[in-house]
PDB file of all heavy atoms in Angstrom:
ATOM      1  N   LEU A   1     117.357 114.039  92.659  1.00  0.00           N
ATOM      2  CA  LEU A   1     118.018 114.208  91.380  1.00  0.00           C
ATOM      3  C   LEU A   1     119.301 114.987  91.484  1.00  0.00           C
ATOM      4  O   LEU A   1     120.179 114.894  90.605  1.00  0.00           O
ATOM      5  CB  LEU A   1     117.060 114.875  90.412  1.00  0.00           C
ATOM      6  CG  LEU A   1     115.750 114.117  90.114  1.00  0.00           C
ATOM      7  CD1 LEU A   1     114.868 114.907  89.164  1.00  0.00           C
ATOM      8  CD2 LEU A   1     116.078 112.732  89.550  1.00  0.00           C
ATOM      9  N   ASP A   2     119.462 115.793  92.506  1.00  0.00           N
ATOM     10  CA  ASP A   2     120.684 116.566  92.694  1.00  0.00           C
ATOM     11  C   ASP A   2     121.730 115.802  93.575  1.00  0.00           C
ATOM     12  O   ASP A   2     122.767 116.354  93.890  1.00  0.00           O
ATOM     13  CB  ASP A   2     120.368 117.903  93.377  1.00  0.00           C
ATOM     14  CG  ASP A   2     119.481 118.793  92.514  1.00  0.00           C
ATOM     15  OD1 ASP A   2     119.681 118.749  91.278  1.00  0.00           O
ATOM     16  OD2 ASP A   2     118.643 119.495  93.059  1.00  0.00           O
ATOM     17  N   GLY A   3     121.378 114.566  93.937  1.00  0.00           N
ATOM     18  CA  GLY A   3     122.274 113.786  94.788  1.00  0.00           C
ATOM     19  C   GLY A   3     122.179 114.126  96.260  1.00  0.00           C
ATOM     20  O   GLY A   3     123.089 113.760  97.017  1.00  0.00           O
ATOM     21  N   ASP A   4     121.126 114.793  96.647  1.00  0.00           N
ATOM     22  CA  ASP A   4     120.934 115.140  98.054  1.00  0.00           C
ATOM     23  C   ASP A   4     119.965 114.172  98.745  1.00  0.00           C
ATOM     24  O   ASP A   4     119.147 113.517  98.069  1.00  0.00           O
ATOM     25  CB  ASP A   4     120.395 116.562  98.179  1.00  0.00           C
ATOM     26  CG  ASP A   4     121.379 117.599  97.643  1.00  0.00           C
ATOM     27  OD1 ASP A   4     122.578 117.339  97.709  1.00  0.00           O
ATOM     28  OD2 ASP A   4     120.906 118.650  97.140  1.00  0.00           O
ATOM     29  N   LEU A   5     120.029 114.129 100.054  1.00  0.00           N
ATOM     30  CA  LEU A   5     119.172 113.234 100.828  1.00  0.00           C
ATOM     31  C   LEU A   5     117.776 113.804 100.977  1.00  0.00           C
ATOM     32  O   LEU A   5     117.603 114.982 101.289  1.00  0.00           O
ATOM     33  CB  LEU A   5     119.794 112.990 102.211  1.00  0.00           C
ATOM     34  CG  LEU A   5     121.076 112.143 102.237  1.00  0.00           C
ATOM     35  CD1 LEU A   5     121.665 112.126 103.630  1.00  0.00           C
ATOM     36  CD2 LEU A   5     120.823 110.732 101.743  1.00  0.00           C
ATOM     37  N   ASP A   6     116.771 112.944 100.773  1.00  0.00           N
ATOM     38  CA  ASP A   6     115.379 113.305 100.986  1.00  0.00           C
ATOM     39  C   ASP A   6     114.788 112.344 102.005  1.00  0.00           C
ATOM     40  O   ASP A   6     114.466 111.216 101.670  1.00  0.00           O
ATOM     41  CB  ASP A   6     114.617 113.207  99.652  1.00  0.00           C
ATOM     42  CG  ASP A   6     113.163 113.665  99.766  1.00  0.00           C
ATOM     43  OD1 ASP A   6     112.751 114.044 100.886  1.00  0.00           O
ATOM     44  OD2 ASP A   6     112.440 113.612  98.764  1.00  0.00           O
ATOM     45  N   PRO A   7     114.702 112.755 103.304  1.00  0.00           N
ATOM     46  CA  PRO A   7     114.186 111.836 104.331  1.00  0.00           C
ATOM     47  C   PRO A   7     112.795 111.334 104.004  1.00  0.00           C
ATOM     48  O   PRO A   7     111.946 112.026 103.419  1.00  0.00           O
ATOM     49  CB  PRO A   7     114.164 112.719 105.579  1.00  0.00           C
ATOM     50  CG  PRO A   7     115.200 113.760 105.316  1.00  0.00           C
ATOM     51  CD  PRO A   7     115.102 114.072 103.850  1.00  0.00           C
ATOM     52  N   ILE A   8     112.524 110.084 104.367  1.00  0.00           N
ATOM     53  CA  ILE A   8     111.234 109.432 104.117  1.00  0.00           C
ATOM     54  C   ILE A   8     110.368 109.492 105.351  1.00  0.00           C
ATOM     55  O   ILE A   8     110.776 109.035 106.438  1.00  0.00           O
ATOM     56  CB  ILE A   8     111.468 107.976 103.690  1.00  0.00           C
ATOM     57  CG1 ILE A   8     112.284 107.922 102.402  1.00  0.00           C
ATOM     58  CG2 ILE A   8     110.117 107.267 103.479  1.00  0.00           C
ATOM     59  CD1 ILE A   8     112.686 106.520 101.966  1.00  0.00           C
ATOM     60  N   PHE A   9     109.170 110.035 105.200  1.00  0.00           N
ATOM     61  CA  PHE A   9     108.255 110.175 106.343  1.00  0.00           C
ATOM     62  C   PHE A   9     107.488 108.847 106.523  1.00  0.00           C
ATOM     63  O   PHE A   9     107.038 108.240 105.572  1.00  0.00           O
ATOM     64  CB  PHE A   9     107.266 111.308 106.050  1.00  0.00           C
ATOM     65  CG  PHE A   9     106.430 111.681 107.247  1.00  0.00           C
ATOM     66  CD1 PHE A   9     106.914 112.565 108.174  1.00  0.00           C
ATOM     67  CD2 PHE A   9     105.177 111.109 107.437  1.00  0.00           C
ATOM     68  CE1 PHE A   9     106.155 112.913 109.282  1.00  0.00           C
ATOM     69  CE2 PHE A   9     104.419 111.451 108.540  1.00  0.00           C
ATOM     70  CZ  PHE A   9     104.899 112.360 109.464  1.00  0.00           C
ATOM     71  N   THR A  10     107.363 108.450 107.803  1.00  0.00           N
ATOM     72  CA  THR A  10     106.646 107.219 108.128  1.00  0.00           C
ATOM     73  C   THR A  10     105.775 107.426 109.369  1.00  0.00           C
ATOM     74  O   THR A  10     106.049 108.286 110.217  1.00  0.00           O
ATOM     75  CB  THR A  10     107.619 106.064 108.412  1.00  0.00           C
ATOM     76  OG1 THR A  10     108.459 106.387 109.533  1.00  0.00           O
ATOM     77  CG2 THR A  10     108.480 105.771 107.219  1.00  0.00           C
ATOM     78  N   TYR A  11     104.724 106.613 109.454  1.00  0.00           N
ATOM     79  CA  TYR A  11     103.968 106.522 110.705  1.00  0.00           C
ATOM     80  C   TYR A  11     103.527 105.073 110.908  1.00  0.00           C
ATOM     81  O   TYR A  11     103.307 104.320 109.951  1.00  0.00           O
ATOM     82  CB  TYR A  11     102.782 107.488 110.731  1.00  0.00           C
ATOM     83  CG  TYR A  11     101.837 107.423 109.573  1.00  0.00           C
ATOM     84  CD1 TYR A  11     100.720 106.591 109.632  1.00  0.00           C
ATOM     85  CD2 TYR A  11     102.008 108.211 108.457  1.00  0.00           C
ATOM     86  CE1 TYR A  11      99.836 106.520 108.562  1.00  0.00           C
ATOM     87  CE2 TYR A  11     101.139 108.177 107.392  1.00  0.00           C
ATOM     88  CZ  TYR A  11     100.019 107.328 107.452  1.00  0.00           C
ATOM     89  OH  TYR A  11      99.153 107.252 106.402  1.00  0.00           O
ATOM     90  N   SER A  12     103.448 104.682 112.161  1.00  0.00           N
ATOM     91  CA  SER A  12     103.174 103.288 112.480  1.00  0.00           C
ATOM     92  C   SER A  12     102.627 103.166 113.893  1.00  0.00           C
ATOM     93  O   SER A  12     102.702 104.113 114.683  1.00  0.00           O
ATOM     94  CB  SER A  12     104.492 102.482 112.366  1.00  0.00           C
ATOM     95  OG  SER A  12     105.469 102.969 113.283  1.00  0.00           O
ATOM     96  N   GLY A  13     102.118 101.975 114.203  1.00  0.00           N
ATOM     97  CA  GLY A  13     101.644 101.756 115.560  1.00  0.00           C
ATOM     98  C   GLY A  13     101.059 100.367 115.738  1.00  0.00           C
ATOM     99  O   GLY A  13     100.866  99.624 114.771  1.00  0.00           O
ATOM    100  N   PHE A  14     100.767 100.006 116.973  1.00  0.00           N
ATOM    101  CA  PHE A  14     100.124  98.717 117.262  1.00  0.00           C
ATOM    102  C   PHE A  14      99.294  98.856 118.509  1.00  0.00           C
ATOM    103  O   PHE A  14      99.457  99.782 119.330  1.00  0.00           O
ATOM    104  CB  PHE A  14     101.141  97.588 117.408  1.00  0.00           C
ATOM    105  CG  PHE A  14     101.959  97.621 118.680  1.00  0.00           C
ATOM    106  CD1 PHE A  14     101.402  97.260 119.929  1.00  0.00           C
ATOM    107  CD2 PHE A  14     103.292  98.027 118.648  1.00  0.00           C
ATOM    108  CE1 PHE A  14     102.163  97.296 121.098  1.00  0.00           C
ATOM    109  CE2 PHE A  14     104.036  98.058 119.817  1.00  0.00           C
ATOM    110  CZ  PHE A  14     103.493  97.699 121.032  1.00  0.00           C
ATOM    111  N   ALA A  15      98.386  97.901 118.675  1.00  0.00           N
ATOM    112  CA  ALA A  15      97.592  97.762 119.895  1.00  0.00           C
ATOM    113  C   ALA A  15      97.422  96.287 120.189  1.00  0.00           C
ATOM    114  O   ALA A  15      97.296  95.464 119.266  1.00  0.00           O
ATOM    115  CB  ALA A  15      96.236  98.433 119.753  1.00  0.00           C
ATOM    116  N   ALA A  16      97.474  95.916 121.458  1.00  0.00           N
ATOM    117  CA  ALA A  16      97.367  94.512 121.861  1.00  0.00           C
ATOM    118  C   ALA A  16      96.592  94.395 123.157  1.00  0.00           C
ATOM    119  O   ALA A  16      96.829  95.171 124.092  1.00  0.00           O
ATOM    120  CB  ALA A  16      98.738  93.901 121.988  1.00  0.00           C
ATOM    121  N   TYR A  17      95.680  93.434 123.192  1.00  0.00           N
ATOM    122  CA  TYR A  17      94.900  93.190 124.413  1.00  0.00           C
ATOM    123  C   TYR A  17      95.237  91.800 124.925  1.00  0.00           C
ATOM    124  O   TYR A  17      95.159  90.796 124.197  1.00  0.00           O
ATOM    125  CB  TYR A  17      93.403  93.274 124.097  1.00  0.00           C
ATOM    126  CG  TYR A  17      92.530  92.800 125.216  1.00  0.00           C
ATOM    127  CD1 TYR A  17      92.501  93.444 126.452  1.00  0.00           C
ATOM    128  CD2 TYR A  17      91.715  91.661 125.064  1.00  0.00           C
ATOM    129  CE1 TYR A  17      91.682  92.991 127.480  1.00  0.00           C
ATOM    130  CE2 TYR A  17      90.900  91.210 126.092  1.00  0.00           C
ATOM    131  CZ  TYR A  17      90.895  91.880 127.314  1.00  0.00           C
ATOM    132  OH  TYR A  17      90.100  91.441 128.335  1.00  0.00           O
ATOM    133  N   ARG A  18      95.636  91.723 126.184  1.00  0.00           N
ATOM    134  CA  ARG A  18      95.947  90.437 126.819  1.00  0.00           C
ATOM    135  C   ARG A  18      94.875  90.136 127.863  1.00  0.00           C
ATOM    136  O   ARG A  18      94.591  90.953 128.732  1.00  0.00           O
ATOM    137  CB  ARG A  18      97.319  90.436 127.495  1.00  0.00           C
ATOM    138  CG  ARG A  18      97.727  89.042 127.995  1.00  0.00           C
ATOM    139  CD  ARG A  18      99.095  89.079 128.639  1.00  0.00           C
ATOM    140  NE  ARG A  18      99.032  89.523 130.024  1.00  0.00           N
ATOM    141  CZ  ARG A  18      99.826  89.091 130.981  1.00  0.00           C
ATOM    142  NH1 ARG A  18     100.756  88.202 130.748  1.00  0.00           N
ATOM    143  NH2 ARG A  18      99.707  89.602 132.207  1.00  0.00           N
ATOM    144  N   HIS A  19      94.322  88.924 127.751  1.00  0.00           N
ATOM    145  CA  HIS A  19      93.300  88.478 128.693  1.00  0.00           C
ATOM    146  C   HIS A  19      93.791  87.251 129.424  1.00  0.00           C
ATOM    147  O   HIS A  19      94.301  86.300 128.793  1.00  0.00           O
ATOM    148  CB  HIS A  19      91.995  88.156 127.985  1.00  0.00           C
ATOM    149  CG  HIS A  19      90.932  87.601 128.875  1.00  0.00           C
ATOM    150  ND1 HIS A  19      90.346  88.343 129.890  1.00  0.00           N
ATOM    151  CD2 HIS A  19      90.373  86.369 128.927  1.00  0.00           C
ATOM    152  CE1 HIS A  19      89.463  87.570 130.533  1.00  0.00           C
ATOM    153  NE2 HIS A  19      89.456  86.364 129.972  1.00  0.00           N
ATOM    154  N   VAL A  20      93.688  87.247 130.748  1.00  0.00           N
ATOM    155  CA  VAL A  20      94.091  86.098 131.572  1.00  0.00           C
ATOM    156  C   VAL A  20      92.838  85.309 131.901  1.00  0.00           C
ATOM    157  O   VAL A  20      91.958  85.800 132.632  1.00  0.00           O
ATOM    158  CB  VAL A  20      94.820  86.569 132.848  1.00  0.00           C
ATOM    159  CG1 VAL A  20      95.182  85.377 133.711  1.00  0.00           C
ATOM    160  CG2 VAL A  20      96.074  87.360 132.477  1.00  0.00           C
ATOM    161  N   TRP A  21      92.765  84.088 131.370  1.00  0.00           N
ATOM    162  CA  TRP A  21      91.587  83.247 131.589  1.00  0.00           C
ATOM    163  C   TRP A  21      91.600  82.641 132.978  1.00  0.00           C
ATOM    164  O   TRP A  21      90.550  82.490 133.607  1.00  0.00           O
ATOM    165  CB  TRP A  21      91.535  82.144 130.518  1.00  0.00           C
ATOM    166  CG  TRP A  21      91.510  82.621 129.117  1.00  0.00           C
ATOM    167  CD1 TRP A  21      92.568  82.741 128.266  1.00  0.00           C
ATOM    168  CD2 TRP A  21      90.364  83.099 128.401  1.00  0.00           C
ATOM    169  NE1 TRP A  21      92.178  83.233 127.053  1.00  0.00           N
ATOM    170  CE2 TRP A  21      90.812  83.463 127.097  1.00  0.00           C
ATOM    171  CE3 TRP A  21      89.026  83.224 128.695  1.00  0.00           C
ATOM    172  CZ2 TRP A  21      89.962  83.942 126.106  1.00  0.00           C
ATOM    173  CZ3 TRP A  21      88.166  83.734 127.708  1.00  0.00           C
ATOM    174  CH2 TRP A  21      88.651  84.069 126.459  1.00  0.00           C
ATOM    175  N   SER A  22      92.804  82.253 133.416  1.00  0.00           N
ATOM    176  CA  SER A  22      92.957  81.662 134.743  1.00  0.00           C
ATOM    177  C   SER A  22      94.418  81.749 135.106  1.00  0.00           C
ATOM    178  O   SER A  22      95.231  82.376 134.389  1.00  0.00           O
ATOM    179  CB  SER A  22      92.487  80.192 134.742  1.00  0.00           C
ATOM    180  OG  SER A  22      93.388  79.381 133.967  1.00  0.00           O
ATOM    181  N   ASP A  23      94.814  81.110 136.205  1.00  0.00           N
ATOM    182  CA  ASP A  23      96.204  81.143 136.611  1.00  0.00           C
ATOM    183  C   ASP A  23      97.110  80.451 135.609  1.00  0.00           C
ATOM    184  O   ASP A  23      98.305  80.736 135.566  1.00  0.00           O
ATOM    185  CB  ASP A  23      96.377  80.469 137.983  1.00  0.00           C
ATOM    186  CG  ASP A  23      95.728  81.280 139.101  1.00  0.00           C
ATOM    187  OD1 ASP A  23      95.512  82.496 138.891  1.00  0.00           O
ATOM    188  OD2 ASP A  23      95.430  80.698 140.176  1.00  0.00           O
ATOM    189  N   LYS A  24      96.552  79.604 134.757  1.00  0.00           N
ATOM    190  CA  LYS A  24      97.370  78.814 133.842  1.00  0.00           C
ATOM    191  C   LYS A  24      97.123  79.138 132.366  1.00  0.00           C
ATOM    192  O   LYS A  24      97.895  78.688 131.505  1.00  0.00           O
ATOM    193  CB  LYS A  24      97.177  77.320 134.072  1.00  0.00           C
ATOM    194  CG  LYS A  24      97.655  76.860 135.440  1.00  0.00           C
ATOM    195  CD  LYS A  24      97.548  75.346 135.586  1.00  0.00           C
ATOM    196  CE  LYS A  24      98.116  74.900 136.927  1.00  0.00           C
ATOM    197  NZ  LYS A  24      98.049  73.407 137.085  1.00  0.00           N
ATOM    198  N   TRP A  25      96.073  79.889 132.067  1.00  0.00           N
ATOM    199  CA  TRP A  25      95.732  80.169 130.661  1.00  0.00           C
ATOM    200  C   TRP A  25      95.634  81.679 130.435  1.00  0.00           C
ATOM    201  O   TRP A  25      95.070  82.407 131.243  1.00  0.00           O
ATOM    202  CB  TRP A  25      94.390  79.512 130.300  1.00  0.00           C
ATOM    203  CG  TRP A  25      94.411  78.019 130.306  1.00  0.00           C
ATOM    204  CD1 TRP A  25      94.126  77.199 131.363  1.00  0.00           C
ATOM    205  CD2 TRP A  25      94.711  77.158 129.209  1.00  0.00           C
ATOM    206  NE1 TRP A  25      94.227  75.896 130.986  1.00  0.00           N
ATOM    207  CE2 TRP A  25      94.574  75.811 129.669  1.00  0.00           C
ATOM    208  CE3 TRP A  25      95.073  77.393 127.875  1.00  0.00           C
ATOM    209  CZ2 TRP A  25      94.806  74.738 128.842  1.00  0.00           C
ATOM    210  CZ3 TRP A  25      95.305  76.294 127.058  1.00  0.00           C
ATOM    211  CH2 TRP A  25      95.178  74.979 127.533  1.00  0.00           C
ATOM    212  N   ARG A  26      96.168  82.114 129.287  1.00  0.00           N
ATOM    213  CA  ARG A  26      96.057  83.521 128.886  1.00  0.00           C
ATOM    214  C   ARG A  26      96.132  83.622 127.366  1.00  0.00           C
ATOM    215  O   ARG A  26      96.612  82.716 126.688  1.00  0.00           O
ATOM    216  CB  ARG A  26      97.188  84.354 129.536  1.00  0.00           C
ATOM    217  CG  ARG A  26      98.584  83.928 129.128  1.00  0.00           C
ATOM    218  CD  ARG A  26      99.630  84.604 130.016  1.00  0.00           C
ATOM    219  NE  ARG A  26     100.992  84.301 129.608  1.00  0.00           N
ATOM    220  CZ  ARG A  26     101.657  83.191 129.997  1.00  0.00           C
ATOM    221  NH1 ARG A  26     101.068  82.296 130.787  1.00  0.00           N
ATOM    222  NH2 ARG A  26     102.916  82.990 129.608  1.00  0.00           N
ATOM    223  N   SER A  27      95.650  84.760 126.859  1.00  0.00           N
ATOM    224  CA  SER A  27      95.617  84.976 125.400  1.00  0.00           C
ATOM    225  C   SER A  27      95.941  86.443 125.083  1.00  0.00           C
ATOM    226  O   SER A  27      95.721  87.332 125.910  1.00  0.00           O
ATOM    227  CB  SER A  27      94.241  84.659 124.819  1.00  0.00           C
ATOM    228  OG  SER A  27      93.957  83.287 124.911  1.00  0.00           O
ATOM    229  N   THR A  28      96.483  86.644 123.876  1.00  0.00           N
ATOM    230  CA  THR A  28      96.722  88.012 123.396  1.00  0.00           C
ATOM    231  C   THR A  28      96.190  88.090 121.954  1.00  0.00           C
ATOM    232  O   THR A  28      96.428  87.175 121.147  1.00  0.00           O
ATOM    233  CB  THR A  28      98.221  88.348 123.383  1.00  0.00           C
ATOM    234  OG1 THR A  28      98.684  88.444 124.727  1.00  0.00           O
ATOM    235  CG2 THR A  28      98.464  89.684 122.701  1.00  0.00           C
ATOM    236  N   ILE A  29      95.465  89.155 121.671  1.00  0.00           N
ATOM    237  CA  ILE A  29      95.102  89.499 120.301  1.00  0.00           C
ATOM    238  C   ILE A  29      95.721  90.853 119.999  1.00  0.00           C
ATOM    239  O   ILE A  29      95.753  91.741 120.861  1.00  0.00           O
ATOM    240  CB  ILE A  29      93.573  89.536 120.070  1.00  0.00           C
ATOM    241  CG1 ILE A  29      92.900  90.507 121.060  1.00  0.00           C
ATOM    242  CG2 ILE A  29      92.991  88.145 120.249  1.00  0.00           C
ATOM    243  CD1 ILE A  29      91.416  90.690 120.786  1.00  0.00           C
ATOM    244  N   ALA A  30      96.274  91.015 118.826  1.00  0.00           N
ATOM    245  CA  ALA A  30      97.031  92.241 118.515  1.00  0.00           C
ATOM    246  C   ALA A  30      96.979  92.543 117.010  1.00  0.00           C
ATOM    247  O   ALA A  30      96.770  91.662 116.188  1.00  0.00           O
ATOM    248  CB  ALA A  30      98.475  92.089 118.976  1.00  0.00           C
ATOM    249  N   GLY A  31      97.185  93.829 116.712  1.00  0.00           N
ATOM    250  CA  GLY A  31      97.270  94.259 115.331  1.00  0.00           C
ATOM    251  C   GLY A  31      98.235  95.416 115.212  1.00  0.00           C
ATOM    252  O   GLY A  31      98.361  96.203 116.141  1.00  0.00           O
ATOM    253  N   SER A  32      98.915  95.539 114.049  1.00  0.00           N
ATOM    254  CA  SER A  32      99.842  96.636 113.864  1.00  0.00           C
ATOM    255  C   SER A  32      99.776  97.129 112.398  1.00  0.00           C
ATOM    256  O   SER A  32      99.311  96.427 111.523  1.00  0.00           O
ATOM    257  CB  SER A  32     101.274  96.228 114.218  1.00  0.00           C
ATOM    258  OG  SER A  32     101.763  95.289 113.245  1.00  0.00           O
ATOM    259  N   TYR A  33     100.276  98.361 112.218  1.00  0.00           N
ATOM    260  CA  TYR A  33     100.221  98.988 110.881  1.00  0.00           C
ATOM    261  C   TYR A  33     101.410  99.886 110.640  1.00  0.00           C
ATOM    262  O   TYR A  33     101.906 100.539 111.583  1.00  0.00           O
ATOM    263  CB  TYR A  33      98.910  99.807 110.763  1.00  0.00           C
ATOM    264  CG  TYR A  33      98.739 100.477 109.437  1.00  0.00           C
ATOM    265  CD1 TYR A  33      98.323  99.766 108.319  1.00  0.00           C
ATOM    266  CD2 TYR A  33      98.991 101.835 109.290  1.00  0.00           C
ATOM    267  CE1 TYR A  33      98.165 100.378 107.104  1.00  0.00           C
ATOM    268  CE2 TYR A  33      98.842 102.470 108.040  1.00  0.00           C
ATOM    269  CZ  TYR A  33      98.444 101.726 106.968  1.00  0.00           C
ATOM    270  OH  TYR A  33      98.285 102.367 105.743  1.00  0.00           O
ATOM    271  N   PHE A  34     101.870  99.901 109.384  1.00  0.00           N
ATOM    272  CA  PHE A  34     102.987 100.767 108.997  1.00  0.00           C
ATOM    273  C   PHE A  34     102.647 101.400 107.648  1.00  0.00           C
ATOM    274  O   PHE A  34     102.093 100.736 106.724  1.00  0.00           O
ATOM    275  CB  PHE A  34     104.279  99.942 108.854  1.00  0.00           C
ATOM    276  CG  PHE A  34     105.398 100.693 108.172  1.00  0.00           C
ATOM    277  CD1 PHE A  34     106.269 101.491 108.926  1.00  0.00           C
ATOM    278  CD2 PHE A  34     105.594 100.592 106.810  1.00  0.00           C
ATOM    279  CE1 PHE A  34     107.279 102.187 108.316  1.00  0.00           C
ATOM    280  CE2 PHE A  34     106.601 101.284 106.157  1.00  0.00           C
ATOM    281  CZ  PHE A  34     107.463 102.087 106.926  1.00  0.00           C
ATOM    282  N   LYS A  35     103.029 102.668 107.489  1.00  0.00           N
ATOM    283  CA  LYS A  35     102.807 103.393 106.232  1.00  0.00           C
ATOM    284  C   LYS A  35     104.008 104.294 105.994  1.00  0.00           C
ATOM    285  O   LYS A  35     104.497 104.993 106.893  1.00  0.00           O
ATOM    286  CB  LYS A  35     101.543 104.238 106.316  1.00  0.00           C
ATOM    287  CG  LYS A  35     101.295 105.154 105.115  1.00  0.00           C
ATOM    288  CD  LYS A  35     100.947 104.366 103.871  1.00  0.00           C
ATOM    289  CE  LYS A  35     100.566 105.330 102.739  1.00  0.00           C
ATOM    290  NZ  LYS A  35     100.263 104.624 101.461  1.00  0.00           N
ATOM    291  N   ALA A  36     104.479 104.289 104.725  1.00  0.00           N
ATOM    292  CA  ALA A  36     105.617 105.155 104.328  1.00  0.00           C
ATOM    293  C   ALA A  36     105.165 106.115 103.230  1.00  0.00           C
ATOM    294  O   ALA A  36     104.391 105.744 102.325  1.00  0.00           O
ATOM    295  CB  ALA A  36     106.767 104.303 103.840  1.00  0.00           C
ATOM    296  N   ASP A  37     105.654 107.349 103.310  1.00  0.00           N
ATOM    297  CA  ASP A  37     105.422 108.345 102.278  1.00  0.00           C
ATOM    298  C   ASP A  37     106.678 108.409 101.398  1.00  0.00           C
ATOM    299  O   ASP A  37     107.475 109.349 101.498  1.00  0.00           O
ATOM    300  CB  ASP A  37     105.111 109.697 102.921  1.00  0.00           C
ATOM    301  CG  ASP A  37     104.727 110.755 101.887  1.00  0.00           C
ATOM    302  OD1 ASP A  37     104.463 110.380 100.732  1.00  0.00           O
ATOM    303  OD2 ASP A  37     104.733 111.941 102.262  1.00  0.00           O
ATOM    304  N   ASN A  38     106.825 107.403 100.561  1.00  0.00           N
ATOM    305  CA  ASN A  38     108.016 107.323  99.714  1.00  0.00           C
ATOM    306  C   ASN A  38     107.980 108.338  98.589  1.00  0.00           C
ATOM    307  O   ASN A  38     106.932 108.552  97.957  1.00  0.00           O
ATOM    308  CB  ASN A  38     108.154 105.937  99.104  1.00  0.00           C
ATOM    309  CG  ASN A  38     108.435 104.853 100.101  1.00  0.00           C
ATOM    310  OD1 ASN A  38     109.491 104.827 100.698  1.00  0.00           O
ATOM    311  ND2 ASN A  38     107.483 103.926 100.292  1.00  0.00           N
ATOM    312  N   PRO A  39     109.097 109.004  98.296  1.00  0.00           N
ATOM    313  CA  PRO A  39     109.181 109.814  97.079  1.00  0.00           C
ATOM    314  C   PRO A  39     109.401 108.871  95.878  1.00  0.00           C
ATOM    315  O   PRO A  39     110.506 108.568  95.474  1.00  0.00           O
ATOM    316  CB  PRO A  39     110.412 110.707  97.327  1.00  0.00           C
ATOM    317  CG  PRO A  39     111.271 109.896  98.270  1.00  0.00           C
ATOM    318  CD  PRO A  39     110.332 109.074  99.095  1.00  0.00           C
ATOM    319  N   VAL A  40     108.276 108.438  95.328  1.00  0.00           N
ATOM    320  CA  VAL A  40     108.316 107.339  94.324  1.00  0.00           C
ATOM    321  C   VAL A  40     109.168 107.669  93.134  1.00  0.00           C
ATOM    322  O   VAL A  40     109.848 106.788  92.572  1.00  0.00           O
ATOM    323  CB  VAL A  40     106.864 106.995  93.905  1.00  0.00           C
ATOM    324  CG1 VAL A  40     106.888 105.850  92.880  1.00  0.00           C
ATOM    325  CG2 VAL A  40     106.027 106.638  95.109  1.00  0.00           C
TER     326      VAL A  40
END
């Protein structure tokens, strides 16, 4: 309200697992998440 900057806090991350079935086949399953603490 005073025209000053208010930094926004965030946290995030991901994890991914890659499995090699054979010399020619492979797969990855993964998930990620983001959250912001906005001054609403």
